[in-house]
Amino acid sequence: MSPARVRGAEDRLRDLPNARACVAMRCRLPFEADSFDLVFSRFLMGVPSRKAPCVQEMARVCKRGGKLLLQDLDGQLVWHYPEDADLQNTTERILSRLAGTGFDPFVGRKLFSLCLGARLTNVNVQLDPYHLYAGCISEKEFSQWQSKLDIALPQLVAALGSEEAAQEYSERFLQYLRRPETLTYSCLFTVTASKP
C-alpha cells in the first residue's frame, strides 16, 4: 500500500479511460460481484496467511464466464547449488520467522488447489523458470536483489537479532550470487481458471 507505487500506477494508467488505481484489502475488494472479465494477481498470494479467502474474493468480483489469472513464485530464496550450509541454515531461520507473517516461498504450487477450492473450473497450470542464475549474476539482477534485501532488512533484523547479522547475511547472499560455479533458481506458476 505504498503511496509512491499507487502514484506510479496512476501515472501509467493516465491515458486509459477505463482504468484506475485504487488501494484495497485483498480479501475485501471494493467492487460489486461479477464486475470484471479478467481478475489478475501477480506475486500477491505469497504474503497473506489466509490465502483461500483472497482467491474466493477474486472469484466473487469476476463475471460468470470470466477468467482468473494468478501468478506466483515457488522456491524463492531457497534453491541453490552447490549449497552453502551456513547460508542455507540462516535462510531457513529467516523463512521460519517470515512464516509467522504469512510469507510462503512455496505458494506457487498451491495456486491450483486454491482455484479448485474457490469452485473455479478449467483450471490450467503453466510452470516456467523465473530466477535462473547459472554462474555469476548480471549487474542488473544483482542490483534488484540488493533492493529486495534492503526492503526486507527489518524482517531480517527481527529474524537474526541484529542489524549487523542481517547485513552480514545480505552480503553473503549477494556474494553467493556472484560466484561463477553456483546455480540459483525458482519457478513461476501461472494458473488460469474460469468462473462458472
N, C-alpha and C. Protein backbone atom coordinates (compact mmCIF):
# COMPACT_ATOMS: atom_id res chain seq x y z
N MET A 1 0.83 -1.19 0.00
CA MET A 1 0.00 0.00 0.00
C MET A 1 0.87 1.25 0.00
N SER A 2 1.94 1.19 -0.74
CA SER A 2 2.87 2.29 -0.83
C SER A 2 2.27 3.43 -1.66
N PRO A 3 2.17 4.64 -1.09
CA PRO A 3 1.66 5.77 -1.87
C PRO A 3 2.45 6.01 -3.15
N ALA A 4 3.76 5.81 -3.11
CA ALA A 4 4.58 6.02 -4.31
C ALA A 4 4.20 5.03 -5.40
N ARG A 5 3.92 3.78 -5.02
CA ARG A 5 3.55 2.79 -6.04
C ARG A 5 2.16 3.09 -6.61
N VAL A 6 1.25 3.57 -5.78
CA VAL A 6 -0.08 3.95 -6.28
C VAL A 6 0.05 5.11 -7.26
N ARG A 7 0.88 6.12 -6.91
CA ARG A 7 1.09 7.25 -7.84
C ARG A 7 1.70 6.75 -9.15
N GLY A 8 2.65 5.81 -9.06
CA GLY A 8 3.25 5.25 -10.27
C GLY A 8 2.22 4.55 -11.13
N ALA A 9 1.33 3.79 -10.50
CA ALA A 9 0.26 3.11 -11.24
C ALA A 9 -0.67 4.13 -11.89
N GLU A 10 -1.02 5.17 -11.15
CA GLU A 10 -1.89 6.22 -11.71
C GLU A 10 -1.24 6.87 -12.92
N ASP A 11 0.05 7.13 -12.84
CA ASP A 11 0.76 7.72 -13.98
C ASP A 11 0.70 6.82 -15.21
N ARG A 12 0.93 5.51 -15.01
CA ARG A 12 0.92 4.57 -16.13
C ARG A 12 -0.48 4.39 -16.72
N LEU A 13 -1.51 4.58 -15.91
CA LEU A 13 -2.89 4.37 -16.37
C LEU A 13 -3.55 5.65 -16.90
N ARG A 14 -2.86 6.75 -16.82
CA ARG A 14 -3.44 8.06 -17.13
C ARG A 14 -4.16 8.11 -18.48
N ASP A 15 -3.63 7.45 -19.50
CA ASP A 15 -4.21 7.53 -20.84
C ASP A 15 -5.25 6.44 -21.11
N LEU A 16 -5.60 5.67 -20.10
CA LEU A 16 -6.59 4.61 -20.27
C LEU A 16 -7.89 5.02 -19.57
N PRO A 17 -8.92 5.38 -20.33
CA PRO A 17 -10.14 5.93 -19.72
C PRO A 17 -10.90 4.92 -18.86
N ASN A 18 -10.71 3.63 -19.09
CA ASN A 18 -11.48 2.64 -18.32
C ASN A 18 -10.63 1.98 -17.23
N ALA A 19 -9.54 2.64 -16.82
CA ALA A 19 -8.67 2.07 -15.79
C ALA A 19 -8.42 3.10 -14.70
N ARG A 20 -8.29 2.60 -13.47
CA ARG A 20 -7.93 3.48 -12.35
C ARG A 20 -7.18 2.65 -11.32
N ALA A 21 -6.37 3.34 -10.56
CA ALA A 21 -5.63 2.68 -9.48
C ALA A 21 -6.38 2.92 -8.18
N CYS A 22 -6.44 1.89 -7.36
CA CYS A 22 -7.05 2.05 -6.03
C CYS A 22 -6.34 1.12 -5.06
N VAL A 23 -6.48 1.41 -3.79
CA VAL A 23 -5.88 0.61 -2.73
C VAL A 23 -7.02 -0.08 -2.00
N ALA A 24 -6.87 -1.38 -1.77
CA ALA A 24 -7.92 -2.14 -1.09
C ALA A 24 -7.31 -3.32 -0.35
N MET A 25 -8.05 -3.85 0.57
CA MET A 25 -7.65 -5.08 1.25
C MET A 25 -7.92 -6.23 0.29
N ARG A 26 -6.97 -7.14 0.16
CA ARG A 26 -7.08 -8.21 -0.83
C ARG A 26 -8.26 -9.14 -0.58
N CYS A 27 -8.74 -9.23 0.64
CA CYS A 27 -9.88 -10.11 0.94
C CYS A 27 -11.20 -9.35 1.06
N ARG A 28 -11.16 -8.04 0.79
CA ARG A 28 -12.38 -7.22 0.80
C ARG A 28 -12.28 -6.18 -0.31
N LEU A 29 -12.43 -6.64 -1.52
CA LEU A 29 -12.29 -5.75 -2.66
C LEU A 29 -13.51 -4.84 -2.77
N PRO A 30 -13.31 -3.55 -3.08
CA PRO A 30 -14.41 -2.58 -3.10
C PRO A 30 -15.17 -2.57 -4.43
N PHE A 31 -15.52 -3.75 -4.92
CA PHE A 31 -16.20 -3.86 -6.20
C PHE A 31 -17.42 -4.77 -6.05
N GLU A 32 -18.40 -4.52 -6.89
CA GLU A 32 -19.59 -5.37 -6.92
C GLU A 32 -19.22 -6.77 -7.40
N ALA A 33 -20.02 -7.74 -7.02
CA ALA A 33 -19.85 -9.09 -7.56
C ALA A 33 -20.03 -9.05 -9.07
N ASP A 34 -19.34 -9.95 -9.76
CA ASP A 34 -19.47 -10.08 -11.22
C ASP A 34 -19.12 -8.79 -11.96
N SER A 35 -18.03 -8.12 -11.56
CA SER A 35 -17.65 -6.83 -12.15
C SER A 35 -16.66 -6.93 -13.31
N PHE A 36 -15.80 -7.95 -13.32
CA PHE A 36 -14.67 -7.94 -14.25
C PHE A 36 -14.62 -9.20 -15.11
N ASP A 37 -14.20 -9.03 -16.36
CA ASP A 37 -13.99 -10.16 -17.26
C ASP A 37 -12.72 -10.91 -16.90
N LEU A 38 -11.73 -10.19 -16.38
CA LEU A 38 -10.44 -10.79 -16.02
C LEU A 38 -10.00 -10.24 -14.66
N VAL A 39 -9.62 -11.14 -13.77
CA VAL A 39 -9.03 -10.76 -12.49
C VAL A 39 -7.62 -11.35 -12.49
N PHE A 40 -6.63 -10.49 -12.29
CA PHE A 40 -5.22 -10.86 -12.42
C PHE A 40 -4.49 -10.57 -11.12
N SER A 41 -3.73 -11.53 -10.66
CA SER A 41 -2.94 -11.36 -9.44
C SER A 41 -1.53 -11.86 -9.70
N ARG A 42 -0.54 -11.02 -9.42
CA ARG A 42 0.87 -11.39 -9.63
C ARG A 42 1.64 -11.11 -8.35
N PHE A 43 2.24 -12.15 -7.81
CA PHE A 43 3.07 -12.07 -6.61
C PHE A 43 2.31 -11.52 -5.40
N LEU A 44 1.05 -11.83 -5.30
CA LEU A 44 0.23 -11.40 -4.17
C LEU A 44 0.04 -12.52 -3.16
N MET A 45 -0.08 -13.74 -3.61
CA MET A 45 -0.51 -14.83 -2.74
C MET A 45 0.59 -15.34 -1.81
N GLY A 46 1.81 -14.93 -2.00
CA GLY A 46 2.88 -15.36 -1.12
C GLY A 46 2.87 -14.70 0.23
N VAL A 47 2.03 -13.70 0.42
CA VAL A 47 2.06 -12.91 1.65
C VAL A 47 0.92 -13.21 2.63
N PRO A 48 -0.35 -13.25 2.21
CA PRO A 48 -1.41 -13.42 3.23
C PRO A 48 -1.37 -14.79 3.88
N SER A 49 -1.63 -14.82 5.20
CA SER A 49 -1.64 -16.11 5.89
C SER A 49 -2.88 -16.91 5.51
N ARG A 50 -3.99 -16.24 5.23
CA ARG A 50 -5.22 -16.91 4.82
C ARG A 50 -5.41 -16.66 3.33
N LYS A 51 -4.96 -17.60 2.54
CA LYS A 51 -4.94 -17.43 1.09
C LYS A 51 -6.29 -17.74 0.42
N ALA A 52 -6.99 -18.75 0.92
CA ALA A 52 -8.25 -19.17 0.28
C ALA A 52 -9.27 -18.03 0.22
N PRO A 53 -9.48 -17.24 1.29
CA PRO A 53 -10.45 -16.15 1.18
C PRO A 53 -10.07 -15.11 0.12
N CYS A 54 -8.78 -14.93 -0.11
CA CYS A 54 -8.36 -13.97 -1.14
C CYS A 54 -8.75 -14.45 -2.54
N VAL A 55 -8.53 -15.73 -2.81
CA VAL A 55 -8.92 -16.27 -4.12
C VAL A 55 -10.44 -16.27 -4.25
N GLN A 56 -11.15 -16.58 -3.19
CA GLN A 56 -12.62 -16.54 -3.22
C GLN A 56 -13.12 -15.13 -3.50
N GLU A 57 -12.44 -14.13 -2.94
CA GLU A 57 -12.83 -12.74 -3.18
C GLU A 57 -12.56 -12.34 -4.63
N MET A 58 -11.45 -12.78 -5.18
CA MET A 58 -11.18 -12.51 -6.60
C MET A 58 -12.23 -13.17 -7.48
N ALA A 59 -12.63 -14.39 -7.12
CA ALA A 59 -13.67 -15.08 -7.87
C ALA A 59 -15.00 -14.33 -7.75
N ARG A 60 -15.27 -13.77 -6.59
CA ARG A 60 -16.53 -13.03 -6.38
C ARG A 60 -16.66 -11.86 -7.36
N VAL A 61 -15.57 -11.12 -7.57
CA VAL A 61 -15.66 -9.93 -8.42
C VAL A 61 -15.50 -10.25 -9.90
N CYS A 62 -15.19 -11.50 -10.22
CA CYS A 62 -15.07 -11.94 -11.61
C CYS A 62 -16.47 -12.27 -12.15
N LYS A 63 -16.73 -11.86 -13.40
CA LYS A 63 -18.01 -12.18 -14.03
C LYS A 63 -18.12 -13.66 -14.30
N ARG A 64 -19.33 -14.18 -14.35
CA ARG A 64 -19.55 -15.56 -14.76
C ARG A 64 -19.03 -15.71 -16.18
N GLY A 65 -18.25 -16.75 -16.40
CA GLY A 65 -17.61 -16.94 -17.70
C GLY A 65 -16.29 -16.18 -17.82
N GLY A 66 -15.97 -15.37 -16.81
CA GLY A 66 -14.72 -14.63 -16.82
C GLY A 66 -13.54 -15.49 -16.40
N LYS A 67 -12.36 -14.90 -16.43
CA LYS A 67 -11.12 -15.62 -16.15
C LYS A 67 -10.40 -15.02 -14.94
N LEU A 68 -9.77 -15.90 -14.19
CA LEU A 68 -8.81 -15.50 -13.16
C LEU A 68 -7.44 -15.95 -13.65
N LEU A 69 -6.44 -15.12 -13.47
CA LEU A 69 -5.07 -15.46 -13.80
C LEU A 69 -4.22 -15.14 -12.58
N LEU A 70 -3.63 -16.15 -11.99
CA LEU A 70 -2.81 -15.99 -10.80
C LEU A 70 -1.38 -16.40 -11.13
N GLN A 71 -0.43 -15.56 -10.72
CA GLN A 71 0.98 -15.90 -10.91
C GLN A 71 1.70 -15.73 -9.57
N ASP A 72 2.52 -16.71 -9.25
CA ASP A 72 3.34 -16.59 -8.04
C ASP A 72 4.54 -17.51 -8.12
N LEU A 73 5.50 -17.23 -7.25
CA LEU A 73 6.76 -17.95 -7.25
C LEU A 73 6.72 -19.20 -6.38
N ASP A 74 7.60 -20.10 -6.68
CA ASP A 74 7.80 -21.30 -5.89
C ASP A 74 9.30 -21.50 -5.76
N GLY A 75 9.77 -21.58 -4.52
CA GLY A 75 11.19 -21.79 -4.29
C GLY A 75 12.00 -20.51 -4.19
N GLN A 76 11.35 -19.38 -4.02
CA GLN A 76 12.09 -18.12 -3.91
C GLN A 76 13.01 -18.16 -2.69
N LEU A 77 14.25 -17.83 -2.89
CA LEU A 77 15.30 -17.75 -1.86
C LEU A 77 15.92 -19.08 -1.47
N VAL A 78 15.35 -20.21 -1.87
CA VAL A 78 15.75 -21.45 -1.22
C VAL A 78 16.52 -22.45 -2.09
N TRP A 79 16.49 -22.34 -3.39
CA TRP A 79 17.11 -23.37 -4.22
C TRP A 79 18.43 -22.89 -4.80
N HIS A 80 19.51 -23.48 -4.31
CA HIS A 80 20.88 -23.13 -4.73
C HIS A 80 21.71 -24.40 -4.81
N TYR A 81 22.68 -24.38 -5.73
CA TYR A 81 23.64 -25.48 -5.77
C TYR A 81 24.96 -24.95 -6.31
N PRO A 82 26.09 -25.33 -5.74
CA PRO A 82 26.21 -26.15 -4.54
C PRO A 82 25.76 -25.36 -3.31
N GLU A 83 25.23 -26.09 -2.33
CA GLU A 83 24.72 -25.44 -1.13
C GLU A 83 25.86 -24.88 -0.29
N ASP A 84 25.62 -23.71 0.24
CA ASP A 84 26.46 -23.11 1.26
C ASP A 84 25.70 -23.37 2.56
N ALA A 85 26.17 -24.30 3.37
CA ALA A 85 25.41 -24.77 4.54
C ALA A 85 25.05 -23.63 5.49
N ASP A 86 26.00 -22.74 5.77
CA ASP A 86 25.71 -21.63 6.68
C ASP A 86 24.65 -20.70 6.10
N LEU A 87 24.79 -20.40 4.82
CA LEU A 87 23.81 -19.53 4.16
C LEU A 87 22.44 -20.19 4.14
N GLN A 88 22.38 -21.48 3.85
CA GLN A 88 21.11 -22.20 3.81
C GLN A 88 20.46 -22.25 5.19
N ASN A 89 21.25 -22.52 6.22
CA ASN A 89 20.71 -22.55 7.59
C ASN A 89 20.15 -21.20 8.00
N THR A 90 20.86 -20.14 7.67
CA THR A 90 20.38 -18.79 8.01
C THR A 90 19.12 -18.47 7.22
N THR A 91 19.09 -18.85 5.95
CA THR A 91 17.89 -18.62 5.13
C THR A 91 16.69 -19.35 5.74
N GLU A 92 16.89 -20.57 6.19
CA GLU A 92 15.80 -21.33 6.80
C GLU A 92 15.32 -20.67 8.09
N ARG A 93 16.23 -20.10 8.88
CA ARG A 93 15.82 -19.35 10.08
C ARG A 93 14.96 -18.15 9.70
N ILE A 94 15.38 -17.44 8.67
CA ILE A 94 14.64 -16.26 8.22
C ILE A 94 13.26 -16.67 7.70
N LEU A 95 13.20 -17.73 6.90
CA LEU A 95 11.91 -18.18 6.36
C LEU A 95 10.99 -18.66 7.46
N SER A 96 11.54 -19.28 8.49
CA SER A 96 10.74 -19.70 9.63
C SER A 96 10.12 -18.49 10.32
N ARG A 97 10.89 -17.44 10.45
CA ARG A 97 10.38 -16.19 11.06
C ARG A 97 9.32 -15.56 10.15
N LEU A 98 9.59 -15.51 8.86
CA LEU A 98 8.65 -14.90 7.92
C LEU A 98 7.35 -15.69 7.81
N ALA A 99 7.40 -16.99 8.09
CA ALA A 99 6.18 -17.80 8.04
C ALA A 99 5.12 -17.24 8.98
N GLY A 100 5.55 -16.65 10.09
CA GLY A 100 4.61 -16.03 11.02
C GLY A 100 3.91 -14.82 10.45
N THR A 101 4.46 -14.22 9.40
CA THR A 101 3.83 -13.07 8.75
C THR A 101 2.92 -13.51 7.61
N GLY A 102 2.95 -14.81 7.29
CA GLY A 102 2.16 -15.33 6.18
C GLY A 102 3.00 -15.59 4.94
N PHE A 103 4.25 -15.15 4.92
CA PHE A 103 5.10 -15.34 3.74
C PHE A 103 5.29 -16.83 3.48
N ASP A 104 5.10 -17.21 2.23
CA ASP A 104 5.19 -18.61 1.83
C ASP A 104 6.03 -18.71 0.57
N PRO A 105 7.28 -19.20 0.67
CA PRO A 105 8.13 -19.28 -0.52
C PRO A 105 7.69 -20.37 -1.50
N PHE A 106 6.71 -21.18 -1.11
CA PHE A 106 6.25 -22.27 -1.97
C PHE A 106 4.77 -22.11 -2.36
N VAL A 107 4.31 -20.88 -2.43
CA VAL A 107 2.89 -20.65 -2.72
C VAL A 107 2.52 -21.00 -4.15
N GLY A 108 3.46 -20.92 -5.07
CA GLY A 108 3.14 -21.19 -6.48
C GLY A 108 2.45 -22.52 -6.68
N ARG A 109 2.96 -23.56 -6.02
CA ARG A 109 2.38 -24.90 -6.18
C ARG A 109 0.99 -25.01 -5.57
N LYS A 110 0.59 -24.04 -4.77
CA LYS A 110 -0.71 -24.09 -4.08
C LYS A 110 -1.83 -23.39 -4.85
N LEU A 111 -1.48 -22.66 -5.90
CA LEU A 111 -2.49 -21.90 -6.65
C LEU A 111 -3.55 -22.80 -7.28
N PHE A 112 -3.14 -23.93 -7.81
CA PHE A 112 -4.09 -24.86 -8.42
C PHE A 112 -5.16 -25.26 -7.41
N SER A 113 -4.74 -25.70 -6.25
CA SER A 113 -5.66 -26.13 -5.20
C SER A 113 -6.55 -24.98 -4.73
N LEU A 114 -5.97 -23.79 -4.61
CA LEU A 114 -6.76 -22.63 -4.19
C LEU A 114 -7.87 -22.31 -5.19
N CYS A 115 -7.58 -22.46 -6.48
CA CYS A 115 -8.61 -22.23 -7.50
C CYS A 115 -9.71 -23.28 -7.42
N LEU A 116 -9.32 -24.53 -7.23
CA LEU A 116 -10.32 -25.58 -7.07
C LEU A 116 -11.19 -25.32 -5.84
N GLY A 117 -10.56 -24.87 -4.77
CA GLY A 117 -11.30 -24.57 -3.54
C GLY A 117 -12.28 -23.42 -3.70
N ALA A 118 -12.01 -22.52 -4.64
CA ALA A 118 -12.92 -21.40 -4.92
C ALA A 118 -13.98 -21.79 -5.94
N ARG A 119 -14.05 -23.08 -6.26
CA ARG A 119 -15.03 -23.65 -7.20
C ARG A 119 -14.90 -23.09 -8.61
N LEU A 120 -13.65 -22.80 -8.99
CA LEU A 120 -13.39 -22.36 -10.36
C LEU A 120 -13.22 -23.60 -11.24
N THR A 121 -13.42 -23.42 -12.53
CA THR A 121 -13.33 -24.54 -13.47
C THR A 121 -12.24 -24.27 -14.50
N ASN A 122 -12.00 -25.28 -15.35
CA ASN A 122 -11.00 -25.15 -16.41
C ASN A 122 -9.67 -24.61 -15.88
N VAL A 123 -9.23 -25.18 -14.77
CA VAL A 123 -8.01 -24.71 -14.11
C VAL A 123 -6.80 -25.29 -14.85
N ASN A 124 -5.98 -24.41 -15.38
CA ASN A 124 -4.78 -24.80 -16.12
C ASN A 124 -3.54 -24.26 -15.42
N VAL A 125 -2.48 -25.04 -15.46
CA VAL A 125 -1.24 -24.68 -14.78
C VAL A 125 -0.10 -24.64 -15.78
N GLN A 126 0.71 -23.59 -15.70
CA GLN A 126 1.93 -23.48 -16.50
C GLN A 126 3.07 -23.20 -15.53
N LEU A 127 4.22 -23.82 -15.78
CA LEU A 127 5.39 -23.67 -14.93
C LEU A 127 6.56 -23.21 -15.79
N ASP A 128 7.21 -22.12 -15.36
CA ASP A 128 8.35 -21.57 -16.09
C ASP A 128 9.46 -21.22 -15.10
N PRO A 129 10.71 -21.24 -15.56
CA PRO A 129 11.77 -20.74 -14.69
C PRO A 129 11.56 -19.24 -14.46
N TYR A 130 11.93 -18.77 -13.29
CA TYR A 130 11.82 -17.33 -13.03
C TYR A 130 13.20 -16.78 -12.69
N HIS A 131 13.66 -17.01 -11.47
CA HIS A 131 15.06 -16.71 -11.17
C HIS A 131 15.87 -17.88 -11.69
N LEU A 132 16.78 -17.62 -12.57
CA LEU A 132 17.66 -18.67 -13.06
C LEU A 132 19.02 -18.05 -13.29
N TYR A 133 19.89 -18.24 -12.32
CA TYR A 133 21.23 -17.67 -12.38
C TYR A 133 22.23 -18.80 -12.39
N ALA A 134 22.78 -19.10 -13.54
CA ALA A 134 23.82 -20.11 -13.67
C ALA A 134 25.14 -19.37 -13.79
N GLY A 135 25.91 -19.40 -12.72
CA GLY A 135 27.14 -18.63 -12.68
C GLY A 135 26.86 -17.24 -12.14
N CYS A 136 27.77 -16.36 -12.41
CA CYS A 136 27.72 -15.00 -11.86
C CYS A 136 26.49 -14.25 -12.36
N ILE A 137 25.75 -13.67 -11.44
CA ILE A 137 24.54 -12.92 -11.74
C ILE A 137 24.88 -11.63 -12.49
N SER A 138 23.99 -11.16 -13.34
CA SER A 138 24.22 -9.90 -14.06
C SER A 138 24.14 -8.73 -13.09
N GLU A 139 24.72 -7.61 -13.48
CA GLU A 139 24.70 -6.42 -12.61
C GLU A 139 23.27 -5.92 -12.38
N LYS A 140 22.43 -5.98 -13.40
CA LYS A 140 21.04 -5.53 -13.25
C LYS A 140 20.30 -6.40 -12.22
N GLU A 141 20.43 -7.72 -12.36
CA GLU A 141 19.76 -8.62 -11.41
C GLU A 141 20.37 -8.51 -10.02
N PHE A 142 21.69 -8.30 -9.95
CA PHE A 142 22.35 -8.10 -8.67
C PHE A 142 21.77 -6.88 -7.96
N SER A 143 21.58 -5.79 -8.71
CA SER A 143 21.00 -4.56 -8.15
C SER A 143 19.57 -4.80 -7.66
N GLN A 144 18.80 -5.59 -8.39
CA GLN A 144 17.43 -5.91 -7.96
C GLN A 144 17.44 -6.67 -6.64
N TRP A 145 18.38 -7.64 -6.50
CA TRP A 145 18.47 -8.38 -5.25
C TRP A 145 18.94 -7.50 -4.10
N GLN A 146 19.83 -6.55 -4.38
CA GLN A 146 20.22 -5.60 -3.34
C GLN A 146 18.99 -4.84 -2.84
N SER A 147 18.16 -4.38 -3.77
CA SER A 147 16.94 -3.65 -3.39
C SER A 147 15.99 -4.53 -2.58
N LYS A 148 15.80 -5.79 -3.01
CA LYS A 148 14.92 -6.71 -2.28
C LYS A 148 15.42 -6.91 -0.86
N LEU A 149 16.71 -7.10 -0.71
CA LEU A 149 17.26 -7.33 0.63
C LEU A 149 17.19 -6.07 1.48
N ASP A 150 17.35 -4.90 0.87
CA ASP A 150 17.19 -3.64 1.62
C ASP A 150 15.76 -3.50 2.13
N ILE A 151 14.79 -3.83 1.28
CA ILE A 151 13.38 -3.75 1.68
C ILE A 151 13.09 -4.74 2.80
N ALA A 152 13.72 -5.91 2.73
CA ALA A 152 13.49 -6.96 3.72
C ALA A 152 14.28 -6.76 5.01
N LEU A 153 15.12 -5.73 5.08
CA LEU A 153 16.01 -5.55 6.22
C LEU A 153 15.30 -5.62 7.58
N PRO A 154 14.16 -4.95 7.80
CA PRO A 154 13.51 -5.05 9.11
C PRO A 154 13.15 -6.50 9.49
N GLN A 155 12.69 -7.28 8.52
CA GLN A 155 12.36 -8.68 8.79
C GLN A 155 13.63 -9.50 9.04
N LEU A 156 14.69 -9.18 8.33
CA LEU A 156 15.96 -9.89 8.55
C LEU A 156 16.50 -9.60 9.95
N VAL A 157 16.40 -8.34 10.37
CA VAL A 157 16.85 -7.96 11.73
C VAL A 157 16.03 -8.71 12.77
N ALA A 158 14.72 -8.76 12.57
CA ALA A 158 13.85 -9.46 13.52
C ALA A 158 14.19 -10.95 13.59
N ALA A 159 14.52 -11.54 12.46
CA ALA A 159 14.82 -12.98 12.42
C ALA A 159 16.21 -13.30 12.98
N LEU A 160 17.16 -12.39 12.74
CA LEU A 160 18.55 -12.70 13.09
C LEU A 160 19.04 -11.99 14.35
N GLY A 161 18.23 -11.06 14.87
CA GLY A 161 18.55 -10.46 16.16
C GLY A 161 19.34 -9.18 16.14
N SER A 162 19.94 -8.81 15.01
CA SER A 162 20.68 -7.54 14.96
C SER A 162 20.82 -7.08 13.52
N GLU A 163 21.03 -5.78 13.38
CA GLU A 163 21.24 -5.24 12.04
C GLU A 163 22.56 -5.74 11.46
N GLU A 164 23.55 -5.92 12.32
CA GLU A 164 24.85 -6.42 11.86
C GLU A 164 24.70 -7.83 11.26
N ALA A 165 23.96 -8.71 11.94
CA ALA A 165 23.75 -10.06 11.43
C ALA A 165 22.95 -10.03 10.13
N ALA A 166 21.96 -9.13 10.05
CA ALA A 166 21.14 -9.01 8.84
C ALA A 166 21.99 -8.53 7.67
N GLN A 167 22.85 -7.54 7.91
CA GLN A 167 23.72 -7.03 6.85
C GLN A 167 24.72 -8.11 6.40
N GLU A 168 25.25 -8.86 7.36
CA GLU A 168 26.18 -9.93 7.03
C GLU A 168 25.51 -11.00 6.17
N TYR A 169 24.27 -11.35 6.52
CA TYR A 169 23.52 -12.33 5.71
C TYR A 169 23.30 -11.79 4.30
N SER A 170 22.85 -10.55 4.19
CA SER A 170 22.60 -9.95 2.87
C SER A 170 23.85 -9.98 2.02
N GLU A 171 24.98 -9.60 2.61
CA GLU A 171 26.23 -9.57 1.87
C GLU A 171 26.64 -10.98 1.43
N ARG A 172 26.47 -11.94 2.32
CA ARG A 172 26.84 -13.33 1.97
C ARG A 172 25.95 -13.86 0.84
N PHE A 173 24.64 -13.56 0.91
CA PHE A 173 23.71 -13.99 -0.13
C PHE A 173 24.10 -13.38 -1.48
N LEU A 174 24.37 -12.07 -1.47
CA LEU A 174 24.74 -11.39 -2.71
C LEU A 174 26.06 -11.93 -3.27
N GLN A 175 27.01 -12.19 -2.41
CA GLN A 175 28.28 -12.73 -2.88
C GLN A 175 28.11 -14.14 -3.45
N TYR A 176 27.20 -14.92 -2.87
CA TYR A 176 26.92 -16.25 -3.42
C TYR A 176 26.42 -16.11 -4.86
N LEU A 177 25.54 -15.14 -5.10
CA LEU A 177 25.01 -14.94 -6.45
C LEU A 177 26.09 -14.54 -7.46
N ARG A 178 27.20 -14.04 -6.96
CA ARG A 178 28.29 -13.61 -7.85
C ARG A 178 29.32 -14.71 -8.10
N ARG A 179 29.16 -15.84 -7.45
CA ARG A 179 30.14 -16.91 -7.63
C ARG A 179 29.92 -17.61 -8.97
N PRO A 180 30.97 -17.87 -9.73
CA PRO A 180 30.82 -18.42 -11.08
C PRO A 180 30.37 -19.88 -11.13
N GLU A 181 30.48 -20.61 -10.01
CA GLU A 181 30.14 -22.04 -10.03
C GLU A 181 28.76 -22.33 -9.44
N THR A 182 27.99 -21.30 -9.11
CA THR A 182 26.72 -21.53 -8.42
C THR A 182 25.53 -21.45 -9.37
N LEU A 183 24.47 -22.12 -8.95
CA LEU A 183 23.19 -22.09 -9.65
C LEU A 183 22.10 -21.74 -8.64
N THR A 184 21.32 -20.72 -8.94
CA THR A 184 20.19 -20.33 -8.11
C THR A 184 18.97 -20.27 -9.01
N TYR A 185 17.85 -20.81 -8.52
CA TYR A 185 16.66 -20.82 -9.37
C TYR A 185 15.38 -20.81 -8.52
N SER A 186 14.31 -20.38 -9.15
CA SER A 186 12.95 -20.52 -8.62
C SER A 186 12.03 -20.67 -9.83
N CYS A 187 10.80 -21.05 -9.58
CA CYS A 187 9.82 -21.29 -10.65
C CYS A 187 8.67 -20.31 -10.54
N LEU A 188 8.08 -19.99 -11.68
CA LEU A 188 6.89 -19.16 -11.74
C LEU A 188 5.71 -20.03 -12.15
N PHE A 189 4.71 -20.12 -11.28
CA PHE A 189 3.47 -20.80 -11.63
C PHE A 189 2.49 -19.76 -12.17
N THR A 190 1.89 -20.07 -13.31
CA THR A 190 0.80 -19.27 -13.87
C THR A 190 -0.41 -20.20 -13.93
N VAL A 191 -1.45 -19.81 -13.21
CA VAL A 191 -2.67 -20.62 -13.16
C VAL A 191 -3.82 -19.79 -13.69
N THR A 192 -4.51 -20.33 -14.68
CA THR A 192 -5.71 -19.68 -15.21
C THR A 192 -6.92 -20.55 -14.87
N ALA A 193 -8.04 -19.88 -14.66
CA ALA A 193 -9.26 -20.60 -14.31
C ALA A 193 -10.47 -19.78 -14.77
N SER A 194 -11.59 -20.44 -14.87
CA SER A 194 -12.83 -19.79 -15.30
C SER A 194 -13.83 -19.78 -14.14
N LYS A 195 -14.65 -18.74 -14.12
CA LYS A 195 -15.74 -18.71 -13.16
C LYS A 195 -16.98 -19.26 -13.83
N PRO A 196 -17.54 -20.37 -13.30
CA PRO A 196 -18.70 -20.98 -13.97
C PRO A 196 -19.96 -20.11 -13.84
